[in-house]
Amino acid sequence: MPHPSPEHLEGRLNAHRKLFIALTAFIAATAEGRAFLESLAEDSETVSDHEEDPGIEPDDGFAIQQIADDETQSIIKAGLSRAQATESQEQRRRDIAP
């Protein structure tokens, strides 16, 4: 398929995102993994503090960089939330078990 349709590309991106969130949640299951993800979430590839001046209207390179950074943050946040929800659910099961 030389030129995939927008639907095809969106489906593939959604599958990648779903997989990344599941892997992030798996990593977050350990204290070491959670610390790694939290430190990764604090990293930002977005230019700040006038490191580079994008001008009044940032060019496409800056926009793409911001979109990628936002998506990375979103995936990490979703993975950490899923790990916390799974942990809470397992704790409730242990509390209920005889």
PDB file of N, CA and C in Angstrom:
ATOM      1  N   MET A   1       0.843  -1.169   0.000  1.00  0.00           N
ATOM      2  CA  MET A   1       0.000   0.000   0.000  1.00  0.00           C
ATOM      3  C   MET A   1       0.893   1.237   0.000  1.00  0.00           C
ATOM      4  N   PRO A   2       1.084   1.853  -1.160  1.00  0.00           N
ATOM      5  CA  PRO A   2       1.988   2.994  -1.249  1.00  0.00           C
ATOM      6  C   PRO A   2       1.501   4.226  -0.486  1.00  0.00           C
ATOM      7  N   HIS A   3       0.210   4.510  -0.526  1.00  0.00           N
ATOM      8  CA  HIS A   3      -0.334   5.682   0.165  1.00  0.00           C
ATOM      9  C   HIS A   3      -1.495   5.231   1.046  1.00  0.00           C
ATOM     10  N   PRO A   4      -1.205   4.908   2.310  1.00  0.00           N
ATOM     11  CA  PRO A   4      -2.282   4.454   3.185  1.00  0.00           C
ATOM     12  C   PRO A   4      -3.299   5.571   3.425  1.00  0.00           C
ATOM     13  N   SER A   5      -4.526   5.176   3.613  1.00  0.00           N
ATOM     14  CA  SER A   5      -5.585   6.145   3.858  1.00  0.00           C
ATOM     15  C   SER A   5      -5.415   6.755   5.252  1.00  0.00           C
ATOM     16  N   PRO A   6      -6.031   7.907   5.477  1.00  0.00           N
ATOM     17  CA  PRO A   6      -5.987   8.501   6.821  1.00  0.00           C
ATOM     18  C   PRO A   6      -6.555   7.557   7.882  1.00  0.00           C
ATOM     19  N   GLU A   7      -7.576   6.800   7.531  1.00  0.00           N
ATOM     20  CA  GLU A   7      -8.171   5.847   8.476  1.00  0.00           C
ATOM     21  C   GLU A   7      -7.175   4.756   8.848  1.00  0.00           C
ATOM     22  N   HIS A   8      -6.443   4.283   7.834  1.00  0.00           N
ATOM     23  CA  HIS A   8      -5.425   3.251   8.059  1.00  0.00           C
ATOM     24  C   HIS A   8      -4.335   3.780   8.994  1.00  0.00           C
ATOM     25  N   LEU A   9      -3.869   4.981   8.722  1.00  0.00           N
ATOM     26  CA  LEU A   9      -2.832   5.587   9.569  1.00  0.00           C
ATOM     27  C   LEU A   9      -3.346   5.820  10.980  1.00  0.00           C
ATOM     28  N   GLU A  10      -4.576   6.289  11.108  1.00  0.00           N
ATOM     29  CA  GLU A  10      -5.147   6.527  12.435  1.00  0.00           C
ATOM     30  C   GLU A  10      -5.285   5.220  13.210  1.00  0.00           C
ATOM     31  N   GLY A  11      -5.719   4.171  12.527  1.00  0.00           N
ATOM     32  CA  GLY A  11      -5.828   2.870  13.178  1.00  0.00           C
ATOM     33  C   GLY A  11      -4.483   2.374  13.681  1.00  0.00           C
ATOM     34  N   ARG A  12      -3.466   2.523  12.869  1.00  0.00           N
ATOM     35  CA  ARG A  12      -2.121   2.102  13.284  1.00  0.00           C
ATOM     36  C   ARG A  12      -1.615   2.932  14.451  1.00  0.00           C
ATOM     37  N   LEU A  13      -1.810   4.247  14.396  1.00  0.00           N
ATOM     38  CA  LEU A  13      -1.376   5.104  15.507  1.00  0.00           C
ATOM     39  C   LEU A  13      -2.113   4.750  16.800  1.00  0.00           C
ATOM     40  N   ASN A  14      -3.406   4.475  16.695  1.00  0.00           N
ATOM     41  CA  ASN A  14      -4.170   4.092  17.882  1.00  0.00           C
ATOM     42  C   ASN A  14      -3.650   2.780  18.466  1.00  0.00           C
ATOM     43  N   ALA A  15      -3.295   1.832  17.598  1.00  0.00           N
ATOM     44  CA  ALA A  15      -2.742   0.560  18.074  1.00  0.00           C
ATOM     45  C   ALA A  15      -1.403   0.783  18.783  1.00  0.00           C
ATOM     46  N   HIS A  16      -0.559   1.636  18.213  1.00  0.00           N
ATOM     47  CA  HIS A  16       0.735   1.937  18.839  1.00  0.00           C
ATOM     48  C   HIS A  16       0.529   2.591  20.202  1.00  0.00           C
ATOM     49  N   ARG A  17      -0.387   3.537  20.266  1.00  0.00           N
ATOM     50  CA  ARG A  17      -0.647   4.231  21.528  1.00  0.00           C
ATOM     51  C   ARG A  17      -1.152   3.252  22.589  1.00  0.00           C
ATOM     52  N   LYS A  18      -2.071   2.380  22.189  1.00  0.00           N
ATOM     53  CA  LYS A  18      -2.622   1.384  23.119  1.00  0.00           C
ATOM     54  C   LYS A  18      -1.510   0.475  23.653  1.00  0.00           C
ATOM     55  N   LEU A  19      -0.627   0.045  22.774  1.00  0.00           N
ATOM     56  CA  LEU A  19       0.482  -0.804  23.172  1.00  0.00           C
ATOM     57  C   LEU A  19       1.445  -0.060  24.099  1.00  0.00           C
ATOM     58  N   PHE A  20       1.762   1.185  23.766  1.00  0.00           N
ATOM     59  CA  PHE A  20       2.665   1.970  24.617  1.00  0.00           C
ATOM     60  C   PHE A  20       2.084   2.190  26.004  1.00  0.00           C
ATOM     61  N   ILE A  21       0.798   2.433  26.087  1.00  0.00           N
ATOM     62  CA  ILE A  21       0.171   2.623  27.402  1.00  0.00           C
ATOM     63  C   ILE A  21       0.240   1.334  28.204  1.00  0.00           C
ATOM     64  N   ALA A  22      -0.031   0.195  27.561  1.00  0.00           N
ATOM     65  CA  ALA A  22       0.037  -1.087  28.267  1.00  0.00           C
ATOM     66  C   ALA A  22       1.464  -1.362  28.752  1.00  0.00           C
ATOM     67  N   LEU A  23       2.454  -1.093  27.923  1.00  0.00           N
ATOM     68  CA  LEU A  23       3.849  -1.301  28.317  1.00  0.00           C
ATOM     69  C   LEU A  23       4.253  -0.347  29.439  1.00  0.00           C
ATOM     70  N   THR A  24       3.780   0.891  29.368  1.00  0.00           N
ATOM     71  CA  THR A  24       4.068   1.867  30.415  1.00  0.00           C
ATOM     72  C   THR A  24       3.464   1.420  31.742  1.00  0.00           C
ATOM     73  N   ALA A  25       2.233   0.915  31.702  1.00  0.00           N
ATOM     74  CA  ALA A  25       1.592   0.419  32.920  1.00  0.00           C
ATOM     75  C   ALA A  25       2.365  -0.767  33.484  1.00  0.00           C
ATOM     76  N   PHE A  26       2.854  -1.631  32.620  1.00  0.00           N
ATOM     77  CA  PHE A  26       3.647  -2.784  33.058  1.00  0.00           C
ATOM     78  C   PHE A  26       4.929  -2.317  33.741  1.00  0.00           C
ATOM     79  N   ILE A  27       5.597  -1.347  33.153  1.00  0.00           N
ATOM     80  CA  ILE A  27       6.829  -0.810  33.736  1.00  0.00           C
ATOM     81  C   ILE A  27       6.540  -0.165  35.092  1.00  0.00           C
ATOM     82  N   ALA A  28       5.392   0.511  35.188  1.00  0.00           N
ATOM     83  CA  ALA A  28       5.034   1.228  36.419  1.00  0.00           C
ATOM     84  C   ALA A  28       4.652   0.296  37.558  1.00  0.00           C
ATOM     85  N   ALA A  29       4.563  -0.995  37.301  1.00  0.00           N
ATOM     86  CA  ALA A  29       4.170  -1.947  38.345  1.00  0.00           C
ATOM     87  C   ALA A  29       5.245  -2.098  39.422  1.00  0.00           C
ATOM     88  N   THR A  30       6.468  -1.703  39.125  1.00  0.00           N
ATOM     89  CA  THR A  30       7.528  -1.774  40.129  1.00  0.00           C
ATOM     90  C   THR A  30       7.906  -0.359  40.557  1.00  0.00           C
ATOM     91  N   ALA A  31       8.426  -0.237  41.758  1.00  0.00           N
ATOM     92  CA  ALA A  31       8.834   1.080  42.266  1.00  0.00           C
ATOM     93  C   ALA A  31       9.918   1.687  41.379  1.00  0.00           C
ATOM     94  N   GLU A  32      10.853   0.858  40.939  1.00  0.00           N
ATOM     95  CA  GLU A  32      11.935   1.342  40.078  1.00  0.00           C
ATOM     96  C   GLU A  32      11.383   1.820  38.733  1.00  0.00           C
ATOM     97  N   GLY A  33      10.454   1.060  38.176  1.00  0.00           N
ATOM     98  CA  GLY A  33       9.836   1.437  36.908  1.00  0.00           C
ATOM     99  C   GLY A  33       9.030   2.713  37.027  1.00  0.00           C
ATOM    100  N   ARG A  34       8.278   2.828  38.122  1.00  0.00           N
ATOM    101  CA  ARG A  34       7.474   4.037  38.341  1.00  0.00           C
ATOM    102  C   ARG A  34       8.395   5.253  38.471  1.00  0.00           C
ATOM    103  N   ALA A  35       9.490   5.124  39.202  1.00  0.00           N
ATOM    104  CA  ALA A  35      10.434   6.240  39.348  1.00  0.00           C
ATOM    105  C   ALA A  35      11.015   6.636  37.991  1.00  0.00           C
ATOM    106  N   PHE A  36      11.332   5.636  37.178  1.00  0.00           N
ATOM    107  CA  PHE A  36      11.851   5.907  35.832  1.00  0.00           C
ATOM    108  C   PHE A  36      10.834   6.699  35.011  1.00  0.00           C
ATOM    109  N   LEU A  37       9.582   6.253  35.033  1.00  0.00           N
ATOM    110  CA  LEU A  37       8.541   6.923  34.250  1.00  0.00           C
ATOM    111  C   LEU A  37       8.276   8.338  34.757  1.00  0.00           C
ATOM    112  N   GLU A  38       8.281   8.505  36.068  1.00  0.00           N
ATOM    113  CA  GLU A  38       8.064   9.840  36.623  1.00  0.00           C
ATOM    114  C   GLU A  38       9.193  10.781  36.228  1.00  0.00           C
ATOM    115  N   SER A  39      10.417  10.275  36.201  1.00  0.00           N
ATOM    116  CA  SER A  39      11.535  11.115  35.776  1.00  0.00           C
ATOM    117  C   SER A  39      11.443  11.409  34.275  1.00  0.00           C
ATOM    118  N   LEU A  40      10.993  10.427  33.509  1.00  0.00           N
ATOM    119  CA  LEU A  40      10.804  10.628  32.073  1.00  0.00           C
ATOM    120  C   LEU A  40       9.709  11.666  31.822  1.00  0.00           C
ATOM    121  N   ALA A  41       8.679  11.651  32.638  1.00  0.00           N
ATOM    122  CA  ALA A  41       7.578  12.614  32.489  1.00  0.00           C
ATOM    123  C   ALA A  41       8.041  14.037  32.778  1.00  0.00           C
ATOM    124  N   GLU A  42       9.052  14.178  33.618  1.00  0.00           N
ATOM    125  CA  GLU A  42       9.556  15.513  33.932  1.00  0.00           C
ATOM    126  C   GLU A  42      10.432  16.070  32.819  1.00  0.00           C
ATOM    127  N   ASP A  43      10.991  15.170  31.997  1.00  0.00           N
ATOM    128  CA  ASP A  43      11.795  15.612  30.863  1.00  0.00           C
ATOM    129  C   ASP A  43      10.879  16.235  29.821  1.00  0.00           C
ATOM    130  N   SER A  44      11.388  17.224  29.161  1.00  0.00           N
ATOM    131  CA  SER A  44      10.625  17.862  28.105  1.00  0.00           C
ATOM    132  C   SER A  44      11.573  18.189  26.970  1.00  0.00           C
ATOM    133  N   GLU A  45      11.150  17.868  25.778  1.00  0.00           N
ATOM    134  CA  GLU A  45      11.968  18.220  24.625  1.00  0.00           C
ATOM    135  C   GLU A  45      11.560  19.573  24.060  1.00  0.00           C
ATOM    136  N   THR A  46      10.547  20.149  24.667  1.00  0.00           N
ATOM    137  CA  THR A  46      10.076  21.445  24.204  1.00  0.00           C
ATOM    138  C   THR A  46      11.028  22.529  24.674  1.00  0.00           C
ATOM    139  N   VAL A  47      11.324  23.437  23.801  1.00  0.00           N
ATOM    140  CA  VAL A  47      12.228  24.535  24.111  1.00  0.00           C
ATOM    141  C   VAL A  47      11.592  25.425  25.166  1.00  0.00           C
ATOM    142  N   SER A  48      12.392  25.794  26.158  1.00  0.00           N
ATOM    143  CA  SER A  48      11.895  26.689  27.203  1.00  0.00           C
ATOM    144  C   SER A  48      12.996  27.641  27.630  1.00  0.00           C
ATOM    145  N   ASP A  49      12.629  28.615  28.395  1.00  0.00           N
ATOM    146  CA  ASP A  49      13.585  29.573  28.949  1.00  0.00           C
ATOM    147  C   ASP A  49      14.452  30.219  27.868  1.00  0.00           C
ATOM    148  N   HIS A  50      13.872  30.488  26.735  1.00  0.00           N
ATOM    149  CA  HIS A  50      14.569  31.171  25.639  1.00  0.00           C
ATOM    150  C   HIS A  50      15.824  30.436  25.188  1.00  0.00           C
ATOM    151  N   GLU A  51      15.816  29.072  25.310  1.00  0.00           N
ATOM    152  CA  GLU A  51      16.955  28.303  24.818  1.00  0.00           C
ATOM    153  C   GLU A  51      17.127  28.551  23.323  1.00  0.00           C
ATOM    154  N   GLU A  52      16.013  28.588  22.636  1.00  0.00           N
ATOM    155  CA  GLU A  52      15.992  28.948  21.225  1.00  0.00           C
ATOM    156  C   GLU A  52      14.779  29.841  21.059  1.00  0.00           C
ATOM    157  N   ASP A  53      14.886  30.835  20.249  1.00  0.00           N
ATOM    158  CA  ASP A  53      13.766  31.743  20.062  1.00  0.00           C
ATOM    159  C   ASP A  53      12.983  31.308  18.836  1.00  0.00           C
ATOM    160  N   PRO A  54      11.751  30.774  19.048  1.00  0.00           N
ATOM    161  CA  PRO A  54      10.971  30.341  17.900  1.00  0.00           C
ATOM    162  C   PRO A  54      10.337  31.496  17.128  1.00  0.00           C
ATOM    163  N   GLY A  55      10.482  32.706  17.635  1.00  0.00           N
ATOM    164  CA  GLY A  55       9.884  33.850  16.965  1.00  0.00           C
ATOM    165  C   GLY A  55       8.441  34.023  17.409  1.00  0.00           C
ATOM    166  N   ILE A  56       7.769  34.955  16.784  1.00  0.00           N
ATOM    167  CA  ILE A  56       6.384  35.238  17.169  1.00  0.00           C
ATOM    168  C   ILE A  56       5.497  34.049  16.845  1.00  0.00           C
ATOM    169  N   GLU A  57       5.676  33.466  15.684  1.00  0.00           N
ATOM    170  CA  GLU A  57       4.918  32.284  15.306  1.00  0.00           C
ATOM    171  C   GLU A  57       5.910  31.162  15.063  1.00  0.00           C
ATOM    172  N   PRO A  58       5.890  30.141  15.951  1.00  0.00           N
ATOM    173  CA  PRO A  58       6.836  29.040  15.796  1.00  0.00           C
ATOM    174  C   PRO A  58       6.636  28.324  14.461  1.00  0.00           C
ATOM    175  N   ASP A  59       7.740  27.852  13.898  1.00  0.00           N
ATOM    176  CA  ASP A  59       7.622  27.120  12.638  1.00  0.00           C
ATOM    177  C   ASP A  59       7.145  25.695  12.909  1.00  0.00           C
ATOM    178  N   ASP A  60       6.968  24.926  11.856  1.00  0.00           N
ATOM    179  CA  ASP A  60       6.440  23.570  11.972  1.00  0.00           C
ATOM    180  C   ASP A  60       7.307  22.676  12.855  1.00  0.00           C
ATOM    181  N   GLY A  61       8.618  22.893  12.844  1.00  0.00           N
ATOM    182  CA  GLY A  61       9.511  22.081  13.670  1.00  0.00           C
ATOM    183  C   GLY A  61       9.194  22.206  15.149  1.00  0.00           C
ATOM    184  N   PHE A  62       8.923  23.416  15.595  1.00  0.00           N
ATOM    185  CA  PHE A  62       8.571  23.629  16.999  1.00  0.00           C
ATOM    186  C   PHE A  62       7.195  23.050  17.305  1.00  0.00           C
ATOM    187  N   ALA A  63       6.262  23.183  16.367  1.00  0.00           N
ATOM    188  CA  ALA A  63       4.917  22.649  16.569  1.00  0.00           C
ATOM    189  C   ALA A  63       4.960  21.127  16.678  1.00  0.00           C
ATOM    190  N   ILE A  64       5.702  20.481  15.824  1.00  0.00           N
ATOM    191  CA  ILE A  64       5.824  19.023  15.848  1.00  0.00           C
ATOM    192  C   ILE A  64       6.488  18.574  17.147  1.00  0.00           C
ATOM    193  N   GLN A  65       7.501  19.300  17.566  1.00  0.00           N
ATOM    194  CA  GLN A  65       8.194  18.986  18.819  1.00  0.00           C
ATOM    195  C   GLN A  65       7.223  19.066  20.003  1.00  0.00           C
ATOM    196  N   GLN A  66       6.380  20.081  20.027  1.00  0.00           N
ATOM    197  CA  GLN A  66       5.405  20.243  21.109  1.00  0.00           C
ATOM    198  C   GLN A  66       4.362  19.130  21.079  1.00  0.00           C
ATOM    199  N   ILE A  67       3.894  18.771  19.897  1.00  0.00           N
ATOM    200  CA  ILE A  67       2.908  17.693  19.765  1.00  0.00           C
ATOM    201  C   ILE A  67       3.498  16.375  20.256  1.00  0.00           C
ATOM    202  N   ALA A  68       4.737  16.079  19.874  1.00  0.00           N
ATOM    203  CA  ALA A  68       5.391  14.840  20.306  1.00  0.00           C
ATOM    204  C   ALA A  68       5.582  14.834  21.821  1.00  0.00           C
ATOM    205  N   ASP A  69       5.986  15.950  22.381  1.00  0.00           N
ATOM    206  CA  ASP A  69       6.176  16.047  23.828  1.00  0.00           C
ATOM    207  C   ASP A  69       4.846  15.860  24.556  1.00  0.00           C
ATOM    208  N   ASP A  70       3.790  16.491  24.048  1.00  0.00           N
ATOM    209  CA  ASP A  70       2.465  16.339  24.658  1.00  0.00           C
ATOM    210  C   ASP A  70       1.997  14.888  24.604  1.00  0.00           C
ATOM    211  N   GLU A  71       2.225  14.221  23.487  1.00  0.00           N
ATOM    212  CA  GLU A  71       1.789  12.821  23.353  1.00  0.00           C
ATOM    213  C   GLU A  71       2.584  11.912  24.284  1.00  0.00           C
ATOM    214  N   THR A  72       3.879  12.155  24.412  1.00  0.00           N
ATOM    215  CA  THR A  72       4.698  11.368  25.343  1.00  0.00           C
ATOM    216  C   THR A  72       4.171  11.531  26.760  1.00  0.00           C
ATOM    217  N   GLN A  73       3.916  12.765  27.159  1.00  0.00           N
ATOM    218  CA  GLN A  73       3.388  13.027  28.496  1.00  0.00           C
ATOM    219  C   GLN A  73       2.034  12.342  28.700  1.00  0.00           C
ATOM    220  N   SER A  74       1.205  12.375  27.682  1.00  0.00           N
ATOM    221  CA  SER A  74      -0.119  11.767  27.765  1.00  0.00           C
ATOM    222  C   SER A  74      -0.031  10.249  27.927  1.00  0.00           C
ATOM    223  N   ILE A  75       0.866   9.620  27.195  1.00  0.00           N
ATOM    224  CA  ILE A  75       1.036   8.163  27.286  1.00  0.00           C
ATOM    225  C   ILE A  75       1.566   7.776  28.662  1.00  0.00           C
ATOM    226  N   ILE A  76       2.547   8.506  29.155  1.00  0.00           N
ATOM    227  CA  ILE A  76       3.098   8.200  30.481  1.00  0.00           C
ATOM    228  C   ILE A  76       2.023   8.372  31.550  1.00  0.00           C
ATOM    229  N   LYS A  77       1.279   9.456  31.480  1.00  0.00           N
ATOM    230  CA  LYS A  77       0.220   9.709  32.461  1.00  0.00           C
ATOM    231  C   LYS A  77      -0.833   8.601  32.412  1.00  0.00           C
ATOM    232  N   ALA A  78      -1.227   8.187  31.219  1.00  0.00           N
ATOM    233  CA  ALA A  78      -2.227   7.121  31.081  1.00  0.00           C
ATOM    234  C   ALA A  78      -1.695   5.797  31.619  1.00  0.00           C
ATOM    235  N   GLY A  79      -0.436   5.502  31.350  1.00  0.00           N
ATOM    236  CA  GLY A  79       0.167   4.264  31.858  1.00  0.00           C
ATOM    237  C   GLY A  79       0.264   4.259  33.375  1.00  0.00           C
ATOM    238  N   LEU A  80       0.669   5.375  33.950  1.00  0.00           N
ATOM    239  CA  LEU A  80       0.753   5.471  35.415  1.00  0.00           C
ATOM    240  C   LEU A  80      -0.642   5.348  36.043  1.00  0.00           C
ATOM    241  N   SER A  81      -1.627   5.970  35.419  1.00  0.00           N
ATOM    242  CA  SER A  81      -2.999   5.877  35.927  1.00  0.00           C
ATOM    243  C   SER A  81      -3.514   4.445  35.847  1.00  0.00           C
ATOM    244  N   ARG A  82      -3.226   3.773  34.744  1.00  0.00           N
ATOM    245  CA  ARG A  82      -3.665   2.383  34.600  1.00  0.00           C
ATOM    246  C   ARG A  82      -2.996   1.495  35.637  1.00  0.00           C
ATOM    247  N   ALA A  83      -1.709   1.702  35.867  1.00  0.00           N
ATOM    248  CA  ALA A  83      -0.997   0.907  36.872  1.00  0.00           C
ATOM    249  C   ALA A  83      -1.586   1.141  38.253  1.00  0.00           C
ATOM    250  N   GLN A  84      -1.905   2.388  38.568  1.00  0.00           N
ATOM    251  CA  GLN A  84      -2.491   2.704  39.868  1.00  0.00           C
ATOM    252  C   GLN A  84      -3.877   2.078  40.001  1.00  0.00           C
ATOM    253  N   ALA A  85      -4.670   2.117  38.945  1.00  0.00           N
ATOM    254  CA  ALA A  85      -6.004   1.519  38.979  1.00  0.00           C
ATOM    255  C   ALA A  85      -5.917   0.006  39.156  1.00  0.00           C
ATOM    256  N   THR A  86      -4.970  -0.616  38.464  1.00  0.00           N
ATOM    257  CA  THR A  86      -4.783  -2.064  38.595  1.00  0.00           C
ATOM    258  C   THR A  86      -4.357  -2.418  40.010  1.00  0.00           C
ATOM    259  N   GLU A  87      -3.448  -1.633  40.565  1.00  0.00           N
ATOM    260  CA  GLU A  87      -2.980  -1.852  41.932  1.00  0.00           C
ATOM    261  C   GLU A  87      -4.132  -1.705  42.935  1.00  0.00           C
ATOM    262  N   SER A  88      -4.965  -0.692  42.750  1.00  0.00           N
ATOM    263  CA  SER A  88      -6.113  -0.474  43.639  1.00  0.00           C
ATOM    264  C   SER A  88      -7.109  -1.628  43.534  1.00  0.00           C
ATOM    265  N   GLN A  89      -7.340  -2.095  42.317  1.00  0.00           N
ATOM    266  CA  GLN A  89      -8.262  -3.205  42.103  1.00  0.00           C
ATOM    267  C   GLN A  89      -7.743  -4.478  42.766  1.00  0.00           C
ATOM    268  N   GLU A  90      -6.457  -4.731  42.646  1.00  0.00           N
ATOM    269  CA  GLU A  90      -5.869  -5.911  43.288  1.00  0.00           C
ATOM    270  C   GLU A  90      -5.945  -5.808  44.802  1.00  0.00           C
ATOM    271  N   GLN A  91      -5.752  -4.603  45.338  1.00  0.00           N
ATOM    272  CA  GLN A  91      -5.854  -4.398  46.780  1.00  0.00           C
ATOM    273  C   GLN A  91      -7.276  -4.655  47.260  1.00  0.00           C
ATOM    274  N   ARG A  92      -8.263  -4.182  46.528  1.00  0.00           N
ATOM    275  CA  ARG A  92      -9.661  -4.432  46.906  1.00  0.00           C
ATOM    276  C   ARG A  92      -9.967  -5.929  46.897  1.00  0.00           C
ATOM    277  N   ARG A  93      -9.441  -6.648  45.919  1.00  0.00           N
ATOM    278  CA  ARG A  93      -9.650  -8.103  45.856  1.00  0.00           C
ATOM    279  C   ARG A  93      -9.040  -8.775  47.082  1.00  0.00           C
ATOM    280  N   ARG A  94      -7.838  -8.332  47.477  1.00  0.00           N
ATOM    281  CA  ARG A  94      -7.195  -8.915  48.656  1.00  0.00           C
ATOM    282  C   ARG A  94      -7.987  -8.601  49.921  1.00  0.00           C
ATOM    283  N   ASP A  95      -8.547  -7.409  49.981  1.00  0.00           N
ATOM    284  CA  ASP A  95      -9.333  -7.014  51.156  1.00  0.00           C
ATOM    285  C   ASP A  95     -10.628  -7.819  51.269  1.00  0.00           C
ATOM    286  N   ILE A  96     -11.199  -8.191  50.132  1.00  0.00           N
ATOM    287  CA  ILE A  96     -12.452  -8.942  50.108  1.00  0.00           C
ATOM    288  C   ILE A  96     -12.222 -10.435  50.337  1.00  0.00           C
ATOM    289  N   ALA A  97     -11.099 -10.938  49.881  1.00  0.00           N
ATOM    290  CA  ALA A  97     -10.831 -12.386  49.956  1.00  0.00           C
ATOM    291  C   ALA A  97     -10.864 -12.862  51.407  1.00  0.00           C
ATOM    292  N   PRO A  98     -11.441 -14.051  51.612  1.00  0.00           N
ATOM    293  CA  PRO A  98     -11.559 -14.589  52.991  1.00  0.00           C
ATOM    294  C   PRO A  98     -10.231 -14.968  53.590  1.00  0.00           C
TER     295      PRO A  98
END
